[in-house]
Amino acid sequence: MGVLLCEKFSAVQTLVDMTAATTTPTHDEQLHWLALKLVPGLGPRRCRQLADYYHTPQAIFRASPSELEAVGVSGSVARTIASGCTFEEAVDQHQRMIDYETALIPITDDRYPARLREIFDPPIVLFTRGRLELLQSLMLGIVGTRRPTPYGSAATERLAADLARAGLTIVSGMARGIDTAAHKAVRAIGGDTIAVFGCGVDNVYPTENRNLADDLAVNGLIVSEFPMMTPAYPQNFPVRNRIISGMSTGVLIVEGAQYSGSAITARMAMEQQREVFAVPGSIMSKMSWGPNLLIKEGAKLVQDWNDVIVELPPADRRALIAKAQSRQGLLPLDSASETTNDERPSTNELSVHAHNLLKLLRPDAPIHLDVLLESFDACSSSETIAALFELEMTGLARQLPGKNFVRVW
């Protein structure tokens, strides 16, 4: 056991030393990395092993099949590598990357996320669109169900925005529901967010998030380990979840069933020795089963942004404080709560009807328009609808599908 641990440490140290001296890959190096990535049957663990042993992708392709087999590669995969048959597709991939302004970040690149490099099976390359500097920021994953309750959506929007204000880069998967809510909440306050795709970075899924993806390709970052033009196959999403947790200092779970994708991400985070956070929910809701069970098993219960911040290592907290103080218009962490409250709309200038209507609305339980109309006998239907419109325009209320209304938390 001691010998194996020494060998593993030696391999990691070799790659770290090599990475420190590595600059942006040249055109030739990118083609070799792409060709290696495209070899059928060659997974991330074996790719990592080859990178540790040969140091450069060019050296891997110069090796003979017998030499590759001696490192542990199967005979068929070794012959495929030695034949160089994937280079033609690599050229097509590279042109597609140019068309979509995509950068290739191999595992030996100094821009590759340090935390991600430490996991058991890191991607050998990352396809990226957007602000590459975010790969070096302090990240927190936020994931959850694709069918959130109004409570789950409200909790996600508030926590994601507050944590982004505190200086964290929010990482999620841009799936429907909680993921999308997290990305949009962060972008609404001008924060930093990264979307990890389960398909190629040139293939937006779900399609209704195309505008969000276009925004992230400029103001945020899109990341994927899957080659360009890869469709959104269902089996890709559990695989990409290890990247969300692997890049992050911790993962926050907001709603999800016991065996949901967010539960898979939480398990991966635990295996990667990341902090796991969970937002508690009603015991009557199936969507709260996953987070509540995680809390029972030891996950940190989160009620506000500070519950996450206090669990971070002291060095990370100091870095966040310095970042918050240096950013224009953002107060230090001790004043973040006041900043959040000050930015919310005031109720002092609301009409009487809107003020009374706001008291009836709740952030966690939508109320149908018909119920609201019946609750205000003293007001006409037009006055009640006008009051609802006033609350929506001031950002104090929101309309959900089916003419349901909730208060913005």
Protein backbone atom coordinates (compact mmCIF):
# COMPACT_ATOMS: atom_id res chain seq x y z
CA MET A 1 0.00 0.00 0.00
CA GLY A 2 2.83 2.38 0.87
CA VAL A 3 4.48 1.78 -2.51
CA LEU A 4 1.22 2.50 -4.36
CA LEU A 5 0.70 5.74 -2.45
CA CYS A 6 4.25 6.82 -3.21
CA GLU A 7 3.76 6.07 -6.92
CA LYS A 8 0.48 8.02 -6.97
CA PHE A 9 2.07 11.00 -5.21
CA SER A 10 5.02 10.91 -7.61
CA ALA A 11 2.71 10.92 -10.65
CA VAL A 12 0.68 13.83 -9.32
CA GLN A 13 3.80 15.80 -8.42
CA THR A 14 5.28 15.20 -11.88
CA LEU A 15 2.14 16.54 -13.53
CA VAL A 16 2.02 19.55 -11.19
CA ASP A 17 5.65 20.41 -11.94
CA MET A 18 5.03 20.01 -15.67
CA THR A 19 1.90 22.17 -15.47
CA ALA A 20 3.69 25.01 -13.71
CA ALA A 21 6.04 25.35 -16.69
CA THR A 22 3.37 24.98 -19.36
CA THR A 23 2.01 27.87 -21.40
CA THR A 24 -0.88 28.13 -23.84
CA PRO A 25 -0.73 25.10 -26.19
CA THR A 26 0.39 25.71 -29.76
CA HIS A 27 -1.72 24.80 -32.79
CA ASP A 28 0.20 21.53 -33.18
CA GLU A 29 -0.22 20.67 -29.51
CA GLN A 30 -3.95 21.38 -29.67
CA LEU A 31 -4.35 19.02 -32.63
CA HIS A 32 -2.51 16.27 -30.74
CA TRP A 33 -4.63 16.79 -27.61
CA LEU A 34 -7.79 16.70 -29.72
CA ALA A 35 -6.66 13.57 -31.53
CA LEU A 36 -5.97 11.91 -28.15
CA LYS A 37 -9.37 12.95 -26.81
CA LEU A 38 -11.08 11.48 -29.89
CA VAL A 39 -9.51 8.02 -29.59
CA PRO A 40 -12.44 5.57 -29.10
CA GLY A 41 -12.30 3.60 -25.87
CA LEU A 42 -9.72 5.85 -24.21
CA GLY A 43 -11.23 7.19 -20.99
CA PRO A 44 -10.05 10.08 -18.80
CA ARG A 45 -8.18 7.88 -16.31
CA ARG A 46 -6.12 6.19 -19.02
CA CYS A 47 -5.54 9.55 -20.74
CA ARG A 48 -4.26 10.92 -17.46
CA GLN A 49 -1.96 7.93 -17.08
CA LEU A 50 -0.53 8.50 -20.56
CA ALA A 51 -0.04 12.21 -19.88
CA ASP A 52 1.80 11.40 -16.64
CA TYR A 53 4.07 8.92 -18.40
CA TYR A 54 4.80 10.65 -21.73
CA HIS A 55 4.45 14.30 -20.63
CA THR A 56 3.36 15.54 -24.08
CA PRO A 57 0.65 14.37 -26.51
CA GLN A 58 3.22 14.29 -29.33
CA ALA A 59 5.25 11.70 -27.42
CA ILE A 60 2.13 9.57 -26.94
CA PHE A 61 1.50 9.40 -30.68
CA ARG A 62 5.17 8.63 -31.39
CA ALA A 63 5.05 5.55 -29.16
CA SER A 64 4.64 2.11 -30.70
CA PRO A 65 1.63 -0.10 -29.92
CA SER A 66 3.77 -2.37 -27.78
CA GLU A 67 5.10 0.58 -25.78
CA LEU A 68 1.57 1.85 -25.22
CA GLU A 69 0.39 -1.60 -24.13
CA ALA A 70 3.24 -1.70 -21.62
CA VAL A 71 1.77 1.42 -19.99
CA GLY A 72 -1.60 -0.31 -19.63
CA VAL A 73 -3.46 0.62 -22.82
CA SER A 74 -5.43 -2.17 -24.48
CA GLY A 75 -4.18 -3.56 -27.77
CA SER A 76 -6.97 -2.15 -29.95
CA VAL A 77 -6.70 1.33 -28.40
CA ALA A 78 -2.90 1.24 -28.70
CA ARG A 79 -3.14 0.45 -32.41
CA THR A 80 -5.67 3.25 -32.91
CA ILE A 81 -3.35 5.75 -31.24
CA ALA A 82 -0.32 4.60 -33.23
CA SER A 83 -2.24 4.78 -36.52
CA GLY A 84 -3.07 8.46 -36.02
CA CYS A 85 -6.49 7.92 -37.58
CA THR A 86 -8.17 10.50 -35.32
CA PHE A 87 -6.16 13.46 -36.63
CA GLU A 88 -8.54 14.11 -39.53
CA GLU A 89 -11.43 14.53 -37.12
CA ALA A 90 -9.19 16.61 -34.85
CA VAL A 91 -8.66 19.08 -37.71
CA ASP A 92 -12.43 19.39 -38.16
CA GLN A 93 -12.86 19.87 -34.42
CA HIS A 94 -10.23 22.59 -34.36
CA GLN A 95 -11.93 24.49 -37.17
CA ARG A 96 -15.24 24.22 -35.34
CA MET A 97 -13.54 25.61 -32.23
CA ILE A 98 -12.31 28.60 -34.23
CA ASP A 99 -15.80 29.21 -35.61
CA TYR A 100 -17.27 29.25 -32.08
CA GLU A 101 -14.36 31.08 -30.40
CA THR A 102 -13.63 28.05 -28.24
CA ALA A 103 -10.41 27.57 -26.28
CA LEU A 104 -8.92 24.15 -25.54
CA ILE A 105 -7.51 23.74 -22.03
CA PRO A 106 -5.50 20.50 -21.63
CA ILE A 107 -4.75 19.07 -18.21
CA THR A 108 -1.13 20.23 -18.45
CA ASP A 109 -2.17 23.86 -19.07
CA ASP A 110 -1.62 26.24 -16.16
CA ARG A 111 -5.15 27.59 -16.75
CA TYR A 112 -6.69 24.19 -15.97
CA PRO A 113 -8.60 24.37 -12.62
CA ALA A 114 -6.29 23.14 -9.86
CA ARG A 115 -9.07 21.52 -7.84
CA LEU A 116 -10.37 19.62 -10.86
CA ARG A 117 -6.92 18.22 -11.57
CA GLU A 118 -6.93 16.60 -8.13
CA ILE A 119 -9.98 14.35 -8.62
CA PHE A 120 -9.81 10.65 -9.45
CA ASP A 121 -10.72 10.97 -13.16
CA PRO A 122 -10.22 14.56 -14.38
CA PRO A 123 -11.00 15.36 -18.03
CA ILE A 124 -7.88 15.31 -20.18
CA VAL A 125 -9.05 18.49 -21.96
CA LEU A 126 -11.71 21.14 -21.41
CA PHE A 127 -13.53 22.96 -24.21
CA THR A 128 -14.29 26.51 -23.03
CA ARG A 129 -16.11 29.60 -24.26
CA GLY A 130 -15.97 32.88 -22.39
CA ARG A 131 -13.84 34.34 -19.63
CA LEU A 132 -11.04 31.86 -19.00
CA GLU A 133 -9.89 33.70 -15.87
CA LEU A 134 -12.93 32.31 -14.06
CA LEU A 135 -11.23 28.89 -14.08
CA GLN A 136 -8.87 30.26 -11.42
CA SER A 137 -11.60 31.75 -9.21
CA LEU A 138 -13.10 30.29 -6.05
CA MET A 139 -16.14 28.31 -7.18
CA LEU A 140 -19.26 26.91 -5.54
CA GLY A 141 -21.60 24.47 -7.26
CA ILE A 142 -25.37 24.94 -7.01
CA VAL A 143 -27.57 22.14 -8.37
CA GLY A 144 -31.08 20.84 -7.92
CA THR A 145 -34.21 19.48 -9.49
CA ARG A 146 -35.44 20.30 -12.99
CA ARG A 147 -38.96 20.74 -11.55
CA PRO A 148 -38.53 23.09 -8.59
CA THR A 149 -41.29 24.39 -6.36
CA PRO A 150 -41.72 28.16 -6.00
CA TYR A 151 -39.88 27.83 -2.67
CA GLY A 152 -36.94 26.10 -4.35
CA SER A 153 -36.71 28.70 -7.10
CA ALA A 154 -36.89 31.58 -4.63
CA ALA A 155 -34.24 30.02 -2.36
CA THR A 156 -31.94 29.42 -5.32
CA GLU A 157 -32.27 32.94 -6.66
CA ARG A 158 -31.59 34.54 -3.30
CA LEU A 159 -28.69 32.29 -2.26
CA ALA A 160 -27.02 32.31 -5.70
CA ALA A 161 -27.15 36.11 -5.88
CA ASP A 162 -25.92 36.60 -2.31
CA LEU A 163 -23.07 34.11 -2.71
CA ALA A 164 -22.04 35.76 -5.99
CA ARG A 165 -22.06 39.13 -4.25
CA ALA A 166 -19.75 37.61 -1.64
CA GLY A 167 -17.26 36.88 -4.43
CA LEU A 168 -17.88 33.22 -5.26
CA THR A 169 -18.17 32.02 -8.84
CA ILE A 170 -21.36 29.95 -9.09
CA VAL A 171 -21.03 26.72 -11.08
CA SER A 172 -24.03 24.77 -12.37
CA GLY A 173 -25.17 22.70 -15.33
CA MET A 174 -27.66 25.01 -17.08
CA ALA A 175 -30.36 22.36 -16.86
CA ARG A 176 -33.98 23.42 -16.50
CA GLY A 177 -35.10 24.41 -13.02
CA ILE A 178 -32.62 25.09 -10.22
CA ASP A 179 -29.54 25.24 -12.49
CA THR A 180 -31.05 27.86 -14.77
CA ALA A 181 -32.38 29.86 -11.81
CA ALA A 182 -28.90 29.97 -10.29
CA HIS A 183 -27.23 31.17 -13.50
CA LYS A 184 -29.85 33.83 -14.17
CA ALA A 185 -29.83 35.14 -10.59
CA VAL A 186 -26.06 35.58 -10.71
CA ARG A 187 -26.10 37.30 -14.08
CA ALA A 188 -28.92 39.60 -12.91
CA ILE A 189 -26.56 41.13 -10.32
CA GLY A 190 -23.53 41.09 -12.63
CA GLY A 191 -21.84 38.18 -10.85
CA ASP A 192 -19.62 35.39 -12.17
CA THR A 193 -21.04 32.03 -13.18
CA ILE A 194 -19.85 28.94 -15.07
CA ALA A 195 -22.09 26.48 -16.93
CA VAL A 196 -20.81 22.93 -17.35
CA PHE A 197 -22.42 21.31 -20.39
CA GLY A 198 -23.29 17.65 -20.90
CA CYS A 199 -22.81 18.18 -24.65
CA GLY A 200 -20.51 20.19 -26.90
CA VAL A 201 -20.11 23.88 -26.03
CA ASP A 202 -21.58 24.68 -29.46
CA ASN A 203 -24.78 22.77 -28.71
CA VAL A 204 -27.09 24.57 -26.25
CA TYR A 205 -29.33 22.30 -24.19
CA PRO A 206 -32.08 22.99 -23.32
CA THR A 207 -32.69 25.18 -26.35
CA GLU A 208 -34.71 27.74 -24.39
CA ASN A 209 -31.46 28.74 -22.66
CA ARG A 210 -29.85 29.93 -25.88
CA ASN A 211 -29.93 33.58 -24.81
CA LEU A 212 -28.44 32.66 -21.46
CA ALA A 213 -25.69 30.66 -23.18
CA ASP A 214 -24.90 33.60 -25.47
CA ASP A 215 -24.56 35.81 -22.41
CA LEU A 216 -22.27 33.36 -20.62
CA ALA A 217 -20.08 32.99 -23.71
CA VAL A 218 -19.21 36.68 -23.24
CA ASN A 219 -19.73 37.56 -19.57
CA GLY A 220 -19.36 34.15 -17.94
CA LEU A 221 -17.90 30.82 -18.99
CA ILE A 222 -19.14 27.64 -20.67
CA VAL A 223 -17.15 24.45 -20.04
CA SER A 224 -17.43 20.90 -21.39
CA GLU A 225 -15.22 17.84 -21.69
CA PHE A 226 -17.24 16.64 -24.68
CA PRO A 227 -16.00 17.41 -28.21
CA MET A 228 -17.69 19.95 -30.42
CA MET A 229 -21.04 18.90 -31.94
CA THR A 230 -21.61 16.25 -29.25
CA PRO A 231 -25.40 15.87 -28.70
CA ALA A 232 -26.93 16.03 -25.22
CA TYR A 233 -27.09 12.29 -24.59
CA PRO A 234 -28.73 11.39 -21.23
CA GLN A 235 -25.67 9.40 -20.10
CA ASN A 236 -23.48 12.51 -20.44
CA PHE A 237 -25.08 14.41 -17.57
CA PRO A 238 -24.03 12.19 -14.64
CA VAL A 239 -20.52 12.24 -16.13
CA ARG A 240 -20.41 16.04 -16.30
CA ASN A 241 -21.59 16.32 -12.68
CA ARG A 242 -18.14 15.29 -11.44
CA ILE A 243 -16.76 18.43 -13.13
CA ILE A 244 -19.24 20.69 -11.31
CA SER A 245 -18.22 19.27 -7.94
CA GLY A 246 -14.57 18.79 -8.92
CA MET A 247 -13.99 22.47 -9.78
CA SER A 248 -15.83 23.70 -6.70
CA THR A 249 -14.87 24.13 -3.09
CA GLY A 250 -18.31 22.78 -2.21
CA VAL A 251 -21.73 21.98 -3.63
CA LEU A 252 -25.10 23.40 -2.54
CA ILE A 253 -28.16 21.20 -3.15
CA VAL A 254 -31.53 22.93 -3.55
CA GLU A 255 -34.41 20.45 -3.91
CA GLY A 256 -34.23 17.04 -5.52
CA ALA A 257 -35.53 13.52 -5.08
CA GLN A 258 -33.55 10.87 -3.22
CA TYR A 259 -32.05 9.39 -6.40
CA SER A 260 -31.93 12.55 -8.53
CA GLY A 261 -29.05 14.01 -10.49
CA SER A 262 -28.38 16.46 -7.67
CA ALA A 263 -28.02 13.51 -5.27
CA ILE A 264 -25.44 12.02 -7.66
CA THR A 265 -23.54 15.31 -7.63
CA ALA A 266 -23.64 15.39 -3.83
CA ARG A 267 -22.23 11.87 -3.65
CA MET A 268 -19.45 12.78 -6.08
CA ALA A 269 -18.66 15.86 -3.99
CA MET A 270 -18.31 13.69 -0.90
CA GLU A 271 -16.02 11.28 -2.75
CA GLN A 272 -13.92 14.25 -3.88
CA GLN A 273 -13.79 15.51 -0.26
CA ARG A 274 -15.74 18.66 -1.05
CA GLU A 275 -18.09 20.42 1.35
CA VAL A 276 -21.75 19.51 0.83
CA PHE A 277 -24.45 22.06 1.67
CA ALA A 278 -28.22 21.62 1.49
CA VAL A 279 -31.27 23.86 1.74
CA PRO A 280 -33.88 22.25 4.03
CA GLY A 281 -37.43 21.86 2.79
CA SER A 282 -40.88 20.72 3.81
CA ILE A 283 -41.16 17.10 4.88
CA MET A 284 -44.40 17.04 2.86
CA SER A 285 -42.59 17.77 -0.42
CA LYS A 286 -40.95 15.01 -2.46
CA MET A 287 -38.55 17.60 -3.84
CA SER A 288 -37.14 18.16 -0.34
CA TRP A 289 -36.40 14.50 0.30
CA GLY A 290 -32.89 14.66 -1.17
CA PRO A 291 -31.62 17.77 0.68
CA ASN A 292 -33.25 16.75 3.97
CA LEU A 293 -31.64 13.32 3.77
CA LEU A 294 -28.25 14.90 3.06
CA ILE A 295 -28.63 17.11 6.13
CA LYS A 296 -29.46 14.03 8.19
CA GLU A 297 -26.27 12.42 6.90
CA GLY A 298 -24.11 15.39 7.85
CA ALA A 299 -24.44 18.01 5.10
CA LYS A 300 -24.34 21.61 6.27
CA LEU A 301 -27.82 23.14 6.60
CA VAL A 302 -28.01 26.45 4.72
CA GLN A 303 -30.43 29.24 5.58
CA ASP A 304 -28.44 32.15 4.17
CA TRP A 305 -25.21 32.87 2.33
CA ASN A 306 -23.16 33.14 5.51
CA ASP A 307 -23.82 29.46 6.34
CA VAL A 308 -21.67 28.64 3.30
CA ILE A 309 -18.98 31.26 3.81
CA VAL A 310 -18.20 30.28 7.41
CA GLU A 311 -17.42 26.71 6.31
CA LEU A 312 -14.74 27.80 3.83
CA PRO A 313 -11.03 27.57 4.78
CA PRO A 314 -9.64 30.78 6.36
CA ALA A 315 -7.48 31.52 3.31
CA ASP A 316 -10.51 31.36 1.02
CA ARG A 317 -12.52 33.63 3.32
CA ARG A 318 -9.72 36.19 3.38
CA ALA A 319 -9.51 36.07 -0.42
CA LEU A 320 -13.25 36.69 -0.69
CA ILE A 321 -13.07 39.66 1.67
CA ALA A 322 -10.24 41.19 -0.34
CA LYS A 323 -12.13 40.60 -3.58
CA ALA A 324 -15.32 42.12 -2.19
CA GLN A 325 -13.50 45.22 -0.99
CA SER A 326 -11.78 45.74 -4.33
CA ARG A 327 -14.86 45.38 -6.50
CA GLN A 328 -16.56 48.64 -7.36
CA GLY A 329 -19.93 49.06 -5.70
CA LEU A 330 -19.62 45.98 -3.48
CA LEU A 331 -19.16 46.21 0.30
CA PRO A 332 -17.13 43.80 2.42
CA LEU A 333 -18.75 40.56 3.54
CA ASP A 334 -19.75 42.01 6.93
CA SER A 335 -21.97 44.48 5.10
CA ALA A 336 -23.27 42.14 2.42
CA SER A 337 -26.59 41.61 4.15
CA GLU A 338 -27.16 45.36 4.35
CA THR A 339 -26.29 45.70 0.68
CA THR A 340 -28.80 43.03 -0.25
CA ASN A 341 -31.55 44.67 1.79
CA ASP A 342 -30.79 48.15 0.49
CA GLU A 343 -31.04 47.00 -3.11
CA ARG A 344 -34.50 45.54 -2.68
CA PRO A 345 -37.47 47.70 -3.64
CA SER A 346 -39.10 49.75 -0.90
CA THR A 347 -42.77 49.28 -0.05
CA ASN A 348 -43.21 52.88 1.15
CA GLU A 349 -44.27 54.19 -2.26
CA LEU A 350 -46.76 51.41 -3.07
CA SER A 351 -50.44 52.14 -3.49
CA VAL A 352 -52.78 51.02 -0.73
CA HIS A 353 -54.15 48.17 -2.84
CA ALA A 354 -50.66 46.93 -3.77
CA HIS A 355 -49.49 47.14 -0.14
CA ASN A 356 -52.43 45.09 1.10
CA LEU A 357 -52.03 42.57 -1.70
CA LEU A 358 -48.33 42.12 -0.89
CA LYS A 359 -49.23 41.08 2.65
CA LEU A 360 -51.27 38.19 1.27
CA LEU A 361 -48.61 36.85 -1.09
CA ARG A 362 -46.04 34.30 0.09
CA PRO A 363 -42.65 33.35 -1.42
CA ASP A 364 -43.14 29.60 -0.95
CA ALA A 365 -46.82 29.09 -1.88
CA PRO A 366 -48.25 30.43 -5.15
CA ILE A 367 -51.74 31.90 -5.06
CA HIS A 368 -54.00 31.78 -8.10
CA LEU A 369 -55.40 34.98 -9.56
CA ASP A 370 -58.98 33.87 -8.88
CA VAL A 371 -58.20 33.43 -5.18
CA LEU A 372 -56.66 36.89 -5.03
CA LEU A 373 -59.68 38.44 -6.73
CA GLU A 374 -62.01 36.76 -4.25
CA SER A 375 -59.88 37.86 -1.28
CA PHE A 376 -60.28 41.56 -2.02
CA ASP A 377 -64.02 42.19 -2.05
CA ALA A 378 -63.49 45.91 -1.48
CA CYS A 379 -61.51 46.20 -4.72
CA SER A 380 -62.72 45.68 -8.23
CA SER A 381 -61.08 43.10 -10.46
CA SER A 382 -59.34 45.80 -12.48
CA GLU A 383 -57.94 47.43 -9.30
CA THR A 384 -56.59 44.09 -8.05
CA ILE A 385 -54.98 43.31 -11.40
CA ALA A 386 -53.48 46.81 -11.48
CA ALA A 387 -52.05 46.25 -8.00
CA LEU A 388 -50.53 42.94 -9.11
CA PHE A 389 -48.97 44.65 -12.11
CA GLU A 390 -47.55 47.31 -9.81
CA LEU A 391 -45.95 44.65 -7.59
CA GLU A 392 -44.48 42.89 -10.62
CA MET A 393 -43.03 46.13 -12.01
CA THR A 394 -41.38 46.95 -8.67
CA GLY A 395 -39.92 43.46 -8.41
CA LEU A 396 -41.83 42.58 -5.24
CA ALA A 397 -43.99 39.87 -6.82
CA ARG A 398 -43.70 37.46 -9.71
CA GLN A 399 -46.20 35.67 -11.90
CA LEU A 400 -45.78 31.93 -12.39
CA PRO A 401 -47.34 29.80 -15.16
CA GLY A 402 -51.08 29.29 -14.77
CA LYS A 403 -51.80 32.81 -13.43
CA ASN A 404 -50.23 32.04 -10.06
CA PHE A 405 -48.42 34.71 -8.06
CA VAL A 406 -45.69 34.60 -5.41
CA ARG A 407 -43.89 37.19 -3.37
CA VAL A 408 -40.23 37.69 -4.25
CA TRP A 409 -38.18 36.57 -1.28
